Amino acid sequence: MKYARKLLLGGTSLMMLLSVLSACGSKTETNAASGGDASWQEDRVAALEKKLEEQSGKLEEQNITITDLKKKLDELSASVAAASQGGGSSSAGLGNNGSAGRGDSVVITFAQYEKIEVGMTFDEVIDILGGEGEALSEAENMVVYNYKGVGDTGANAVLAFQGGKLLTKAQSGLE
């Protein structure tokens, strides 16, 4: 008896499942297969054409931007080439911030530090100190140098140049 009940319930469940699955068939697939109402296809084509038109507009804008950027690059390349040939600084007036290398092993005294003033050019500072310090940091138009100092262990001075001029200075333990 229990077996018959399970069989009946299982068969009924199977039939319900099959009827639900057959009812879930896509109407659009049926219409497309039978050549029925094509308005959904026309709507889809219109939507795709609109999207294509939008993308074409974006492509035009990007091409214009690329052209403008190429012109700017050519101008910058020409100004860099002219500055390199002339041996001077570029037309942007970046100034001389030094070589940003390992330094000249220059040791600074407190008397030299006092002579250095904010706003001096890199070359004026080098004339006072006798060489470059060790570059700690280098950015687009800025270099920070560390100079070992005369004095206690760890005595030093830090000088920051921007645009070829001394922007700030600091010292610790110089004698």
C-alpha atoms as a PDB file:
ATOM      1  CA  MET A   1       0.000   0.000   0.000  1.00  0.00           C
ATOM      2  CA  LYS A   2       2.805   2.423   0.918  1.00  0.00           C
ATOM      3  CA  TYR A   3       4.566   1.501  -2.297  1.00  0.00           C
ATOM      4  CA  ALA A   4       1.463   2.314  -4.367  1.00  0.00           C
ATOM      5  CA  ARG A   5       1.104   5.656  -2.606  1.00  0.00           C
ATOM      6  CA  LYS A   6       4.768   6.571  -3.303  1.00  0.00           C
ATOM      7  CA  LEU A   7       4.365   5.565  -6.914  1.00  0.00           C
ATOM      8  CA  LEU A   8       1.203   7.611  -7.295  1.00  0.00           C
ATOM      9  CA  LEU A   9       2.762  10.683  -5.598  1.00  0.00           C
ATOM     10  CA  GLY A  10       5.960  10.350  -7.622  1.00  0.00           C
ATOM     11  CA  GLY A  11       4.049  10.053 -10.901  1.00  0.00           C
ATOM     12  CA  THR A  12       1.830  13.008 -10.040  1.00  0.00           C
ATOM     13  CA  SER A  13       4.860  15.124  -9.108  1.00  0.00           C
ATOM     14  CA  LEU A  14       6.570  14.189 -12.352  1.00  0.00           C
ATOM     15  CA  MET A  15       3.534  15.153 -14.429  1.00  0.00           C
ATOM     16  CA  MET A  16       3.209  18.519 -12.643  1.00  0.00           C
ATOM     17  CA  LEU A  17       6.887  19.247 -13.182  1.00  0.00           C
ATOM     18  CA  LEU A  18       6.643  18.450 -16.901  1.00  0.00           C
ATOM     19  CA  SER A  19       3.590  20.662 -17.342  1.00  0.00           C
ATOM     20  CA  VAL A  20       5.313  23.569 -15.546  1.00  0.00           C
ATOM     21  CA  LEU A  21       8.414  23.206 -17.711  1.00  0.00           C
ATOM     22  CA  SER A  22       6.406  23.122 -20.915  1.00  0.00           C
ATOM     23  CA  ALA A  23       4.474  26.253 -19.839  1.00  0.00           C
ATOM     24  CA  CYS A  24       7.753  28.119 -19.250  1.00  0.00           C
ATOM     25  CA  GLY A  25       8.695  28.050 -22.924  1.00  0.00           C
ATOM     26  CA  SER A  26       9.594  31.485 -24.323  1.00  0.00           C
ATOM     27  CA  LYS A  27       6.920  33.248 -26.323  1.00  0.00           C
ATOM     28  CA  THR A  28       9.570  35.093 -28.329  1.00  0.00           C
ATOM     29  CA  GLU A  29      11.215  31.833 -29.345  1.00  0.00           C
ATOM     30  CA  THR A  30       7.854  30.529 -30.510  1.00  0.00           C
ATOM     31  CA  ASN A  31       7.143  33.700 -32.455  1.00  0.00           C
ATOM     32  CA  ALA A  32      10.600  33.771 -34.010  1.00  0.00           C
ATOM     33  CA  ALA A  33      10.434  30.102 -34.975  1.00  0.00           C
ATOM     34  CA  SER A  34       7.005  30.368 -36.462  1.00  0.00           C
ATOM     35  CA  GLY A  35       7.662  33.679 -38.238  1.00  0.00           C
ATOM     36  CA  GLY A  36       5.010  35.400 -36.075  1.00  0.00           C
ATOM     37  CA  ASP A  37       4.947  38.977 -34.828  1.00  0.00           C
ATOM     38  CA  ALA A  38       8.324  40.583 -35.646  1.00  0.00           C
ATOM     39  CA  SER A  39       7.804  43.859 -33.780  1.00  0.00           C
ATOM     40  CA  TRP A  40      10.063  42.708 -30.927  1.00  0.00           C
ATOM     41  CA  GLN A  41      12.820  42.177 -33.503  1.00  0.00           C
ATOM     42  CA  GLU A  42      12.307  45.672 -34.907  1.00  0.00           C
ATOM     43  CA  ASP A  43      12.477  47.132 -31.386  1.00  0.00           C
ATOM     44  CA  ARG A  44      15.689  45.240 -30.702  1.00  0.00           C
ATOM     45  CA  VAL A  45      17.263  46.401 -33.991  1.00  0.00           C
ATOM     46  CA  ALA A  46      16.265  50.015 -33.262  1.00  0.00           C
ATOM     47  CA  ALA A  47      17.812  49.805 -29.788  1.00  0.00           C
ATOM     48  CA  LEU A  48      21.045  48.362 -31.204  1.00  0.00           C
ATOM     49  CA  GLU A  49      21.189  51.050 -33.904  1.00  0.00           C
ATOM     50  CA  LYS A  50      20.784  53.744 -31.232  1.00  0.00           C
ATOM     51  CA  LYS A  51      23.579  52.220 -29.164  1.00  0.00           C
ATOM     52  CA  LEU A  52      25.818  52.042 -32.234  1.00  0.00           C
ATOM     53  CA  GLU A  53      25.180  55.724 -32.942  1.00  0.00           C
ATOM     54  CA  GLU A  54      26.102  56.649 -29.351  1.00  0.00           C
ATOM     55  CA  GLN A  55      29.305  54.624 -29.576  1.00  0.00           C
ATOM     56  CA  SER A  56      30.207  56.298 -32.877  1.00  0.00           C
ATOM     57  CA  GLY A  57      29.826  59.701 -31.225  1.00  0.00           C
ATOM     58  CA  LYS A  58      32.096  58.651 -28.362  1.00  0.00           C
ATOM     59  CA  LEU A  59      34.651  57.332 -30.840  1.00  0.00           C
ATOM     60  CA  GLU A  60      34.695  60.701 -32.644  1.00  0.00           C
ATOM     61  CA  GLU A  61      35.280  62.525 -29.335  1.00  0.00           C
ATOM     62  CA  GLN A  62      38.120  60.163 -28.449  1.00  0.00           C
ATOM     63  CA  ASN A  63      39.752  60.643 -31.855  1.00  0.00           C
ATOM     64  CA  ILE A  64      39.617  64.430 -31.392  1.00  0.00           C
ATOM     65  CA  THR A  65      41.155  64.090 -27.918  1.00  0.00           C
ATOM     66  CA  ILE A  66      43.909  61.844 -29.272  1.00  0.00           C
ATOM     67  CA  THR A  67      44.683  64.356 -32.014  1.00  0.00           C
ATOM     68  CA  ASP A  68      44.889  67.198 -29.470  1.00  0.00           C
ATOM     69  CA  LEU A  69      47.166  65.144 -27.216  1.00  0.00           C
ATOM     70  CA  LYS A  70      49.447  64.292 -30.143  1.00  0.00           C
ATOM     71  CA  LYS A  71      49.769  68.017 -30.941  1.00  0.00           C
ATOM     72  CA  LYS A  72      50.663  68.806 -27.321  1.00  0.00           C
ATOM     73  CA  LEU A  73      53.206  65.969 -27.275  1.00  0.00           C
ATOM     74  CA  ASP A  74      54.808  67.281 -30.462  1.00  0.00           C
ATOM     75  CA  GLU A  75      55.011  70.788 -28.953  1.00  0.00           C
ATOM     76  CA  LEU A  76      56.576  69.467 -25.745  1.00  0.00           C
ATOM     77  CA  SER A  77      59.028  67.304 -27.671  1.00  0.00           C
ATOM     78  CA  ALA A  78      60.069  70.308 -29.743  1.00  0.00           C
ATOM     79  CA  SER A  79      60.606  72.475 -26.651  1.00  0.00           C
ATOM     80  CA  VAL A  80      62.639  69.736 -24.931  1.00  0.00           C
ATOM     81  CA  ALA A  81      64.749  69.271 -28.063  1.00  0.00           C
ATOM     82  CA  ALA A  82      65.323  73.026 -28.298  1.00  0.00           C
ATOM     83  CA  ALA A  83      66.332  73.189 -24.633  1.00  0.00           C
ATOM     84  CA  SER A  84      68.707  70.243 -25.059  1.00  0.00           C
ATOM     85  CA  GLN A  85      70.376  71.824 -28.087  1.00  0.00           C
ATOM     86  CA  GLY A  86      70.615  75.207 -26.440  1.00  0.00           C
ATOM     87  CA  GLY A  87      72.098  73.708 -23.281  1.00  0.00           C
ATOM     88  CA  GLY A  88      69.756  75.739 -21.130  1.00  0.00           C
ATOM     89  CA  SER A  89      66.610  75.058 -19.243  1.00  0.00           C
ATOM     90  CA  SER A  90      63.316  74.467 -20.986  1.00  0.00           C
ATOM     91  CA  SER A  91      60.838  77.230 -21.725  1.00  0.00           C
ATOM     92  CA  ALA A  92      58.866  76.219 -18.642  1.00  0.00           C
ATOM     93  CA  GLY A  93      61.639  77.742 -16.451  1.00  0.00           C
ATOM     94  CA  LEU A  94      62.093  74.703 -14.255  1.00  0.00           C
ATOM     95  CA  GLY A  95      65.497  75.861 -12.990  1.00  0.00           C
ATOM     96  CA  ASN A  96      68.490  73.818 -11.883  1.00  0.00           C
ATOM     97  CA  ASN A  97      67.736  71.545  -8.936  1.00  0.00           C
ATOM     98  CA  GLY A  98      71.046  69.695  -9.230  1.00  0.00           C
ATOM     99  CA  SER A  99      71.808  66.202 -10.428  1.00  0.00           C
ATOM    100  CA  ALA A 100      69.818  64.425  -7.676  1.00  0.00           C
ATOM    101  CA  GLY A 101      72.613  61.903  -7.293  1.00  0.00           C
ATOM    102  CA  ARG A 102      74.527  60.351  -4.387  1.00  0.00           C
ATOM    103  CA  GLY A 103      76.252  63.657  -3.656  1.00  0.00           C
ATOM    104  CA  ASP A 104      79.817  64.908  -3.458  1.00  0.00           C
ATOM    105  CA  SER A 105      80.479  63.745   0.154  1.00  0.00           C
ATOM    106  CA  VAL A 106      80.317  67.382   1.255  1.00  0.00           C
ATOM    107  CA  VAL A 107      80.270  68.019   5.003  1.00  0.00           C
ATOM    108  CA  ILE A 108      78.418  71.133   6.152  1.00  0.00           C
ATOM    109  CA  THR A 109      79.200  73.342   9.158  1.00  0.00           C
ATOM    110  CA  PHE A 110      76.810  75.525  11.144  1.00  0.00           C
ATOM    111  CA  ALA A 111      78.587  78.642   9.796  1.00  0.00           C
ATOM    112  CA  GLN A 112      77.900  77.519   6.205  1.00  0.00           C
ATOM    113  CA  TYR A 113      74.294  76.685   7.118  1.00  0.00           C
ATOM    114  CA  GLU A 114      73.759  80.224   8.469  1.00  0.00           C
ATOM    115  CA  LYS A 115      75.004  81.751   5.177  1.00  0.00           C
ATOM    116  CA  ILE A 116      72.375  79.868   3.167  1.00  0.00           C
ATOM    117  CA  GLU A 117      69.101  81.768   2.721  1.00  0.00           C
ATOM    118  CA  VAL A 118      65.734  80.632   1.422  1.00  0.00           C
ATOM    119  CA  GLY A 119      65.297  81.856  -2.160  1.00  0.00           C
ATOM    120  CA  MET A 120      68.952  81.385  -3.165  1.00  0.00           C
ATOM    121  CA  THR A 121      69.577  79.537  -6.413  1.00  0.00           C
ATOM    122  CA  PHE A 122      70.972  76.027  -6.419  1.00  0.00           C
ATOM    123  CA  ASP A 123      74.276  77.291  -7.823  1.00  0.00           C
ATOM    124  CA  GLU A 124      74.611  79.948  -5.076  1.00  0.00           C
ATOM    125  CA  VAL A 125      74.101  77.285  -2.404  1.00  0.00           C
ATOM    126  CA  ILE A 126      76.640  74.962  -4.063  1.00  0.00           C
ATOM    127  CA  ASP A 127      79.191  77.828  -4.103  1.00  0.00           C
ATOM    128  CA  ILE A 128      78.779  78.188  -0.310  1.00  0.00           C
ATOM    129  CA  LEU A 129      78.839  74.456   0.470  1.00  0.00           C
ATOM    130  CA  GLY A 130      81.363  73.299  -2.128  1.00  0.00           C
ATOM    131  CA  GLY A 131      79.201  70.542  -3.642  1.00  0.00           C
ATOM    132  CA  GLU A 132      75.912  68.666  -3.696  1.00  0.00           C
ATOM    133  CA  GLY A 133      74.447  66.609  -0.894  1.00  0.00           C
ATOM    134  CA  GLU A 134      72.779  63.218  -1.192  1.00  0.00           C
ATOM    135  CA  ALA A 135      69.356  63.367  -2.875  1.00  0.00           C
ATOM    136  CA  LEU A 136      66.687  62.053  -0.492  1.00  0.00           C
ATOM    137  CA  SER A 137      63.646  62.718  -2.612  1.00  0.00           C
ATOM    138  CA  GLU A 138      62.993  63.797  -6.160  1.00  0.00           C
ATOM    139  CA  ALA A 139      59.691  64.972  -7.634  1.00  0.00           C
ATOM    140  CA  GLU A 140      58.678  66.652 -10.883  1.00  0.00           C
ATOM    141  CA  ASN A 141      60.337  70.001 -10.134  1.00  0.00           C
ATOM    142  CA  MET A 142      61.684  69.462  -6.622  1.00  0.00           C
ATOM    143  CA  VAL A 143      64.733  67.777  -5.057  1.00  0.00           C
ATOM    144  CA  VAL A 144      65.487  67.349  -1.334  1.00  0.00           C
ATOM    145  CA  TYR A 145      69.171  66.981  -0.375  1.00  0.00           C
ATOM    146  CA  ASN A 146      70.763  65.734   2.831  1.00  0.00           C
ATOM    147  CA  TYR A 147      74.205  67.007   3.870  1.00  0.00           C
ATOM    148  CA  LYS A 148      76.231  65.268   6.566  1.00  0.00           C
ATOM    149  CA  GLY A 149      77.340  67.748   9.178  1.00  0.00           C
ATOM    150  CA  VAL A 150      80.198  68.640  11.466  1.00  0.00           C
ATOM    151  CA  GLY A 151      79.118  67.997  15.049  1.00  0.00           C
ATOM    152  CA  ASP A 152      77.608  65.197  17.075  1.00  0.00           C
ATOM    153  CA  THR A 153      76.798  61.833  15.549  1.00  0.00           C
ATOM    154  CA  GLY A 154      73.912  62.305  13.130  1.00  0.00           C
ATOM    155  CA  ALA A 155      74.526  66.024  12.583  1.00  0.00           C
ATOM    156  CA  ASN A 156      73.053  67.007   9.250  1.00  0.00           C
ATOM    157  CA  ALA A 157      71.230  69.603   7.178  1.00  0.00           C
ATOM    158  CA  VAL A 158      68.342  69.076   4.781  1.00  0.00           C
ATOM    159  CA  LEU A 159      67.807  71.492   1.882  1.00  0.00           C
ATOM    160  CA  ALA A 160      64.814  71.417  -0.495  1.00  0.00           C
ATOM    161  CA  PHE A 161      65.010  73.034  -3.928  1.00  0.00           C
ATOM    162  CA  GLN A 162      62.049  73.785  -6.170  1.00  0.00           C
ATOM    163  CA  GLY A 163      62.395  75.401  -9.561  1.00  0.00           C
ATOM    164  CA  GLY A 164      66.114  75.839  -8.972  1.00  0.00           C
ATOM    165  CA  LYS A 165      65.648  77.891  -5.769  1.00  0.00           C
ATOM    166  CA  LEU A 166      65.996  76.967  -2.123  1.00  0.00           C
ATOM    167  CA  LEU A 167      62.497  76.391  -0.793  1.00  0.00           C
ATOM    168  CA  THR A 168      63.302  75.354   2.797  1.00  0.00           C
ATOM    169  CA  LYS A 169      66.195  74.364   5.010  1.00  0.00           C
ATOM    170  CA  ALA A 170      66.577  72.487   8.301  1.00  0.00           C
ATOM    171  CA  GLN A 171      69.501  71.317  10.423  1.00  0.00           C
ATOM    172  CA  SER A 172      70.150  69.122  13.406  1.00  0.00           C
ATOM    173  CA  GLY A 173      73.257  69.074  15.617  1.00  0.00           C
ATOM    174  CA  LEU A 174      75.525  71.166  13.396  1.00  0.00           C
ATOM    175  CA  GLU A 175      78.524  72.870  15.017  1.00  0.00           C
END
